[in-house]
Amino acid sequence: MTVIVLVVATLCFRLSGAVLGPARFATWRVSTAYGLAVMLVMTASAHFVPPDVTFMPNHADMVAMVPPFVPFPALVVYLTGVLELAGAVGLVLPDTRRAAGICLALLFVLMLPANIHAALAGVTLGGEAATPLWQRIPEQVLYIGVALWAAGVIGGRSGRTTSAGSAFPVP
C-alpha cells in the first residue's frame, strides 16, 4: 500500500507540473520528494492512532512491531512518527531537502529491525499480517534509495543549477 501511495502521489505531482505548469513540480526529483512526503504523512499517522481504531494500523500495532531489545517501545513509536513528519516537511522545503533525505534514509535503516521483527513474529497491522520479509526488505531499500535520490544525494545532479553552469547552486 505504501509503495502505491508513493508512486501515485509522485505521478500526480509530476503530472500537475507538466499539465498545469507549476514550476515547483517541473522535475521528477522534486515530484518524488513531494510524493515521499505524502507517503510519510500517511505512515506517520499510524504512530498516533488510538488502539480502538481497527480499520488501519494503530499505535498498539506499531508498538508490537518494536523488537524486544529496544527500550521504551511506546516512546520510540511516537518519536519515529514525529521524525517521519519532520522528514516530510524537510523534503518539501528546498533548503532542507538534502538533509531530510539523508536523515530519512538513516531512519529507514534504523526502522528495518522493527519490520523484520514484525514479519518474523507474525505481528498484525490493522488486522492484516505484516508485510513478509521477501517483500519488506526490498521495499525498505527502495525507500532508502528514493529518499537519497529525491534529496539529490545519489543519481547525479540535484536539479539546482546556476546560470553560468558553475558548481555553486543558485539559492
C-alpha atoms as a PDB file:
ATOM      1  CA  MET A   1       0.000   0.000   0.000  1.00  0.00           C
ATOM      2  CA  THR A   2       2.756   2.477   0.866  1.00  0.00           C
ATOM      3  CA  VAL A   3       4.544   1.911  -2.444  1.00  0.00           C
ATOM      4  CA  ILE A   4       1.267   2.621  -4.240  1.00  0.00           C
ATOM      5  CA  VAL A   5       0.827   5.862  -2.287  1.00  0.00           C
ATOM      6  CA  LEU A   6       4.399   6.882  -3.127  1.00  0.00           C
ATOM      7  CA  VAL A   7       4.000   6.145  -6.847  1.00  0.00           C
ATOM      8  CA  VAL A   8       0.535   7.685  -7.241  1.00  0.00           C
ATOM      9  CA  ALA A   9       1.424  10.836  -5.286  1.00  0.00           C
ATOM     10  CA  THR A  10       4.658  11.259  -7.263  1.00  0.00           C
ATOM     11  CA  LEU A  11       2.818  10.835 -10.566  1.00  0.00           C
ATOM     12  CA  CYS A  12       0.144  13.338  -9.509  1.00  0.00           C
ATOM     13  CA  PHE A  13       2.733  15.952  -8.584  1.00  0.00           C
ATOM     14  CA  ARG A  14       4.694  15.407 -11.799  1.00  0.00           C
ATOM     15  CA  LEU A  15       1.539  15.435 -13.918  1.00  0.00           C
ATOM     16  CA  SER A  16       0.417  18.676 -12.295  1.00  0.00           C
ATOM     17  CA  GLY A  17       3.814  20.141 -13.157  1.00  0.00           C
ATOM     18  CA  ALA A  18       3.548  19.009 -16.766  1.00  0.00           C
ATOM     19  CA  VAL A  19      -0.097  19.959 -17.322  1.00  0.00           C
ATOM     20  CA  LEU A  20      -0.736  22.907 -15.027  1.00  0.00           C
ATOM     21  CA  GLY A  21       2.739  24.319 -15.185  1.00  0.00           C
ATOM     22  CA  PRO A  22       3.713  24.813 -11.533  1.00  0.00           C
ATOM     23  CA  ALA A  23       7.455  25.299 -11.668  1.00  0.00           C
ATOM     24  CA  ARG A  24       7.717  23.565  -8.305  1.00  0.00           C
ATOM     25  CA  PHE A  25       6.934  20.170  -9.888  1.00  0.00           C
ATOM     26  CA  ALA A  26       8.956  20.652 -13.066  1.00  0.00           C
ATOM     27  CA  THR A  27      11.280  17.725 -12.305  1.00  0.00           C
ATOM     28  CA  TRP A  28      10.845  14.091 -11.352  1.00  0.00           C
ATOM     29  CA  ARG A  29      13.217  14.572  -8.421  1.00  0.00           C
ATOM     30  CA  VAL A  30      11.117  17.295  -6.789  1.00  0.00           C
ATOM     31  CA  SER A  31       7.865  15.478  -7.554  1.00  0.00           C
ATOM     32  CA  THR A  32       9.316  12.368  -5.940  1.00  0.00           C
ATOM     33  CA  ALA A  33      10.333  14.339  -2.840  1.00  0.00           C
ATOM     34  CA  TYR A  34       6.731  15.513  -2.507  1.00  0.00           C
ATOM     35  CA  GLY A  35       5.403  12.004  -3.208  1.00  0.00           C
ATOM     36  CA  LEU A  36       7.617  10.575  -0.473  1.00  0.00           C
ATOM     37  CA  ALA A  37       6.413  13.328   1.859  1.00  0.00           C
ATOM     38  CA  VAL A  38       2.786  12.309   1.219  1.00  0.00           C
ATOM     39  CA  MET A  39       3.661   8.674   1.924  1.00  0.00           C
ATOM     40  CA  LEU A  40       5.415   9.660   5.151  1.00  0.00           C
ATOM     41  CA  VAL A  41       2.436  11.657   6.407  1.00  0.00           C
ATOM     42  CA  MET A  42       0.276   8.583   5.804  1.00  0.00           C
ATOM     43  CA  THR A  43       2.666   6.158   7.511  1.00  0.00           C
ATOM     44  CA  ALA A  44       3.397   8.532  10.395  1.00  0.00           C
ATOM     45  CA  SER A  45      -0.299   8.877  11.152  1.00  0.00           C
ATOM     46  CA  ALA A  46      -0.430   5.236  12.308  1.00  0.00           C
ATOM     47  CA  HIS A  47       2.048   6.071  15.068  1.00  0.00           C
ATOM     48  CA  PHE A  48      -0.571   8.274  16.748  1.00  0.00           C
ATOM     49  CA  VAL A  49      -3.837   6.400  16.066  1.00  0.00           C
ATOM     50  CA  PRO A  50      -5.590   5.171  19.244  1.00  0.00           C
ATOM     51  CA  PRO A  51      -5.714   1.394  19.805  1.00  0.00           C
ATOM     52  CA  ASP A  52      -9.507   1.199  19.423  1.00  0.00           C
ATOM     53  CA  VAL A  53      -9.203   2.196  15.746  1.00  0.00           C
ATOM     54  CA  THR A  54      -9.032  -1.082  13.839  1.00  0.00           C
ATOM     55  CA  PHE A  55      -9.503  -0.188  10.172  1.00  0.00           C
ATOM     56  CA  MET A  56      -5.848   0.846   9.871  1.00  0.00           C
ATOM     57  CA  PRO A  57      -2.613   0.221  11.770  1.00  0.00           C
ATOM     58  CA  ASN A  58      -2.625   1.984  15.122  1.00  0.00           C
ATOM     59  CA  HIS A  59      -0.199   2.897  17.891  1.00  0.00           C
ATOM     60  CA  ALA A  60      -0.566  -0.507  19.569  1.00  0.00           C
ATOM     61  CA  ASP A  61       0.238  -2.249  16.271  1.00  0.00           C
ATOM     62  CA  MET A  62       3.336  -0.099  15.886  1.00  0.00           C
ATOM     63  CA  VAL A  63       4.447  -0.875  19.465  1.00  0.00           C
ATOM     64  CA  ALA A  64       4.065  -4.602  18.743  1.00  0.00           C
ATOM     65  CA  MET A  65       6.493  -4.190  15.825  1.00  0.00           C
ATOM     66  CA  VAL A  66       9.293  -2.886  18.043  1.00  0.00           C
ATOM     67  CA  PRO A  67      11.860  -5.619  18.749  1.00  0.00           C
ATOM     68  CA  PRO A  68      12.158  -6.662  22.412  1.00  0.00           C
ATOM     69  CA  PHE A  69      15.719  -5.296  22.706  1.00  0.00           C
ATOM     70  CA  VAL A  70      14.513  -1.705  22.137  1.00  0.00           C
ATOM     71  CA  PRO A  71      13.680   0.087  25.414  1.00  0.00           C
ATOM     72  CA  PHE A  72      10.548   2.222  25.812  1.00  0.00           C
ATOM     73  CA  PRO A  73       8.767   0.935  22.682  1.00  0.00           C
ATOM     74  CA  ALA A  74       5.736   3.241  23.010  1.00  0.00           C
ATOM     75  CA  LEU A  75       8.001   6.288  23.205  1.00  0.00           C
ATOM     76  CA  VAL A  76      10.080   5.033  20.275  1.00  0.00           C
ATOM     77  CA  VAL A  77       6.905   4.702  18.181  1.00  0.00           C
ATOM     78  CA  TYR A  78       5.892   8.286  18.953  1.00  0.00           C
ATOM     79  CA  LEU A  79       9.429   9.503  18.249  1.00  0.00           C
ATOM     80  CA  THR A  80       9.654   7.737  14.883  1.00  0.00           C
ATOM     81  CA  GLY A  81       6.251   9.157  13.937  1.00  0.00           C
ATOM     82  CA  VAL A  82       7.469  12.668  14.743  1.00  0.00           C
ATOM     83  CA  LEU A  83      10.679  12.040  12.783  1.00  0.00           C
ATOM     84  CA  GLU A  84       8.679  10.840   9.758  1.00  0.00           C
ATOM     85  CA  LEU A  85       6.564  14.005   9.884  1.00  0.00           C
ATOM     86  CA  ALA A  86       9.648  16.192  10.269  1.00  0.00           C
ATOM     87  CA  GLY A  87      11.229  14.381   7.330  1.00  0.00           C
ATOM     88  CA  ALA A  88       8.128  15.010   5.230  1.00  0.00           C
ATOM     89  CA  VAL A  89       8.304  18.726   5.979  1.00  0.00           C
ATOM     90  CA  GLY A  90      12.035  18.733   5.271  1.00  0.00           C
ATOM     91  CA  LEU A  91      11.510  17.104   1.875  1.00  0.00           C
ATOM     92  CA  VAL A  92       9.140  19.808   0.637  1.00  0.00           C
ATOM     93  CA  LEU A  93      11.429  22.667   1.636  1.00  0.00           C
ATOM     94  CA  PRO A  94      14.237  23.072  -0.938  1.00  0.00           C
ATOM     95  CA  ASP A  95      16.748  24.328   1.629  1.00  0.00           C
ATOM     96  CA  THR A  96      16.302  21.263   3.875  1.00  0.00           C
ATOM     97  CA  ARG A  97      15.568  18.601   1.241  1.00  0.00           C
ATOM     98  CA  ARG A  98      19.112  17.204   1.142  1.00  0.00           C
ATOM     99  CA  ALA A  99      19.440  16.907   4.934  1.00  0.00           C
ATOM    100  CA  ALA A 100      15.922  15.464   5.200  1.00  0.00           C
ATOM    101  CA  GLY A 101      16.658  12.817   2.576  1.00  0.00           C
ATOM    102  CA  ILE A 102      19.841  11.739   4.337  1.00  0.00           C
ATOM    103  CA  CYS A 103      18.145  11.659   7.735  1.00  0.00           C
ATOM    104  CA  LEU A 104      15.169   9.732   6.355  1.00  0.00           C
ATOM    105  CA  ALA A 105      17.454   7.166   4.730  1.00  0.00           C
ATOM    106  CA  LEU A 106      19.109   6.669   8.108  1.00  0.00           C
ATOM    107  CA  LEU A 107      15.698   6.430   9.803  1.00  0.00           C
ATOM    108  CA  PHE A 108      14.595   3.795   7.274  1.00  0.00           C
ATOM    109  CA  VAL A 109      17.741   1.788   8.051  1.00  0.00           C
ATOM    110  CA  LEU A 110      17.106   2.078  11.793  1.00  0.00           C
ATOM    111  CA  MET A 111      13.464   1.016  11.371  1.00  0.00           C
ATOM    112  CA  LEU A 112      14.338  -2.116   9.388  1.00  0.00           C
ATOM    113  CA  PRO A 113      14.753  -4.302  12.519  1.00  0.00           C
ATOM    114  CA  ALA A 114      11.162  -3.444  13.515  1.00  0.00           C
ATOM    115  CA  ASN A 115       9.918  -4.528  10.102  1.00  0.00           C
ATOM    116  CA  ILE A 116      11.930  -7.750  10.308  1.00  0.00           C
ATOM    117  CA  HIS A 117      10.641  -8.422  13.828  1.00  0.00           C
ATOM    118  CA  ALA A 118       7.034  -7.783  12.733  1.00  0.00           C
ATOM    119  CA  ALA A 119       7.343 -10.213   9.836  1.00  0.00           C
ATOM    120  CA  LEU A 120       9.021 -12.944  11.890  1.00  0.00           C
ATOM    121  CA  ALA A 121       6.776 -12.544  14.958  1.00  0.00           C
ATOM    122  CA  GLY A 122       3.556 -12.543  12.942  1.00  0.00           C
ATOM    123  CA  VAL A 123       2.526  -9.065  14.095  1.00  0.00           C
ATOM    124  CA  THR A 124      -0.742  -7.822  12.623  1.00  0.00           C
ATOM    125  CA  LEU A 125      -1.228  -4.258  11.456  1.00  0.00           C
ATOM    126  CA  GLY A 126      -4.810  -3.096  11.266  1.00  0.00           C
ATOM    127  CA  GLY A 127      -5.883  -6.726  11.415  1.00  0.00           C
ATOM    128  CA  GLU A 128      -3.686  -7.684   8.434  1.00  0.00           C
ATOM    129  CA  ALA A 129      -0.466  -9.671   8.584  1.00  0.00           C
ATOM    130  CA  ALA A 130       2.717  -7.613   8.446  1.00  0.00           C
ATOM    131  CA  THR A 131       4.418  -7.425   5.071  1.00  0.00           C
ATOM    132  CA  PRO A 132       6.500 -10.572   4.539  1.00  0.00           C
ATOM    133  CA  LEU A 133      10.281 -10.227   4.612  1.00  0.00           C
ATOM    134  CA  TRP A 134      10.746 -11.134   0.947  1.00  0.00           C
ATOM    135  CA  GLN A 135       8.720  -8.015   0.132  1.00  0.00           C
ATOM    136  CA  ARG A 136       9.555  -5.741   3.052  1.00  0.00           C
ATOM    137  CA  ILE A 137      13.341  -5.707   2.785  1.00  0.00           C
ATOM    138  CA  PRO A 138      13.397  -4.687  -0.910  1.00  0.00           C
ATOM    139  CA  GLU A 139      10.648  -2.164  -0.132  1.00  0.00           C
ATOM    140  CA  GLN A 140      12.768  -0.632   2.634  1.00  0.00           C
ATOM    141  CA  VAL A 141      15.777  -0.496   0.287  1.00  0.00           C
ATOM    142  CA  LEU A 142      13.523   1.265  -2.242  1.00  0.00           C
ATOM    143  CA  TYR A 143      12.538   3.907   0.332  1.00  0.00           C
ATOM    144  CA  ILE A 144      16.179   4.473   1.262  1.00  0.00           C
ATOM    145  CA  GLY A 145      17.091   4.923  -2.402  1.00  0.00           C
ATOM    146  CA  VAL A 146      14.112   7.186  -3.104  1.00  0.00           C
ATOM    147  CA  ALA A 147      14.933   9.401  -0.113  1.00  0.00           C
ATOM    148  CA  LEU A 148      18.551   9.753  -1.213  1.00  0.00           C
ATOM    149  CA  TRP A 149      17.656  10.287  -4.879  1.00  0.00           C
ATOM    150  CA  ALA A 150      14.905  12.839  -4.159  1.00  0.00           C
ATOM    151  CA  ALA A 151      17.380  14.705  -1.960  1.00  0.00           C
ATOM    152  CA  GLY A 152      19.951  14.787  -4.755  1.00  0.00           C
ATOM    153  CA  VAL A 153      22.433  12.671  -2.818  1.00  0.00           C
ATOM    154  CA  ILE A 154      22.578   9.896  -5.433  1.00  0.00           C
ATOM    155  CA  GLY A 155      21.852   9.755  -9.127  1.00  0.00           C
ATOM    156  CA  GLY A 156      23.533  12.873 -10.382  1.00  0.00           C
ATOM    157  CA  ARG A 157      22.679  16.496 -10.067  1.00  0.00           C
ATOM    158  CA  SER A 158      20.075  17.698  -7.599  1.00  0.00           C
ATOM    159  CA  GLY A 159      18.321  19.711 -10.275  1.00  0.00           C
ATOM    160  CA  ARG A 160      19.587  23.031  -8.940  1.00  0.00           C
ATOM    161  CA  THR A 161      21.790  24.783 -11.456  1.00  0.00           C
ATOM    162  CA  THR A 162      23.372  28.131 -11.901  1.00  0.00           C
ATOM    163  CA  SER A 163      23.052  30.442 -14.827  1.00  0.00           C
ATOM    164  CA  ALA A 164      26.789  30.201 -15.502  1.00  0.00           C
ATOM    165  CA  GLY A 165      26.918  26.443 -15.003  1.00  0.00           C
ATOM    166  CA  SER A 166      29.323  26.730 -12.060  1.00  0.00           C
ATOM    167  CA  ALA A 167      29.473  24.308  -9.173  1.00  0.00           C
ATOM    168  CA  PHE A 168      27.704  26.706  -6.827  1.00  0.00           C
ATOM    169  CA  PRO A 169      23.924  26.225  -6.568  1.00  0.00           C
ATOM    170  CA  VAL A 170      21.527  29.073  -7.143  1.00  0.00           C
ATOM    171  CA  PRO A 171      19.624  29.919  -3.929  1.00  0.00           C
END
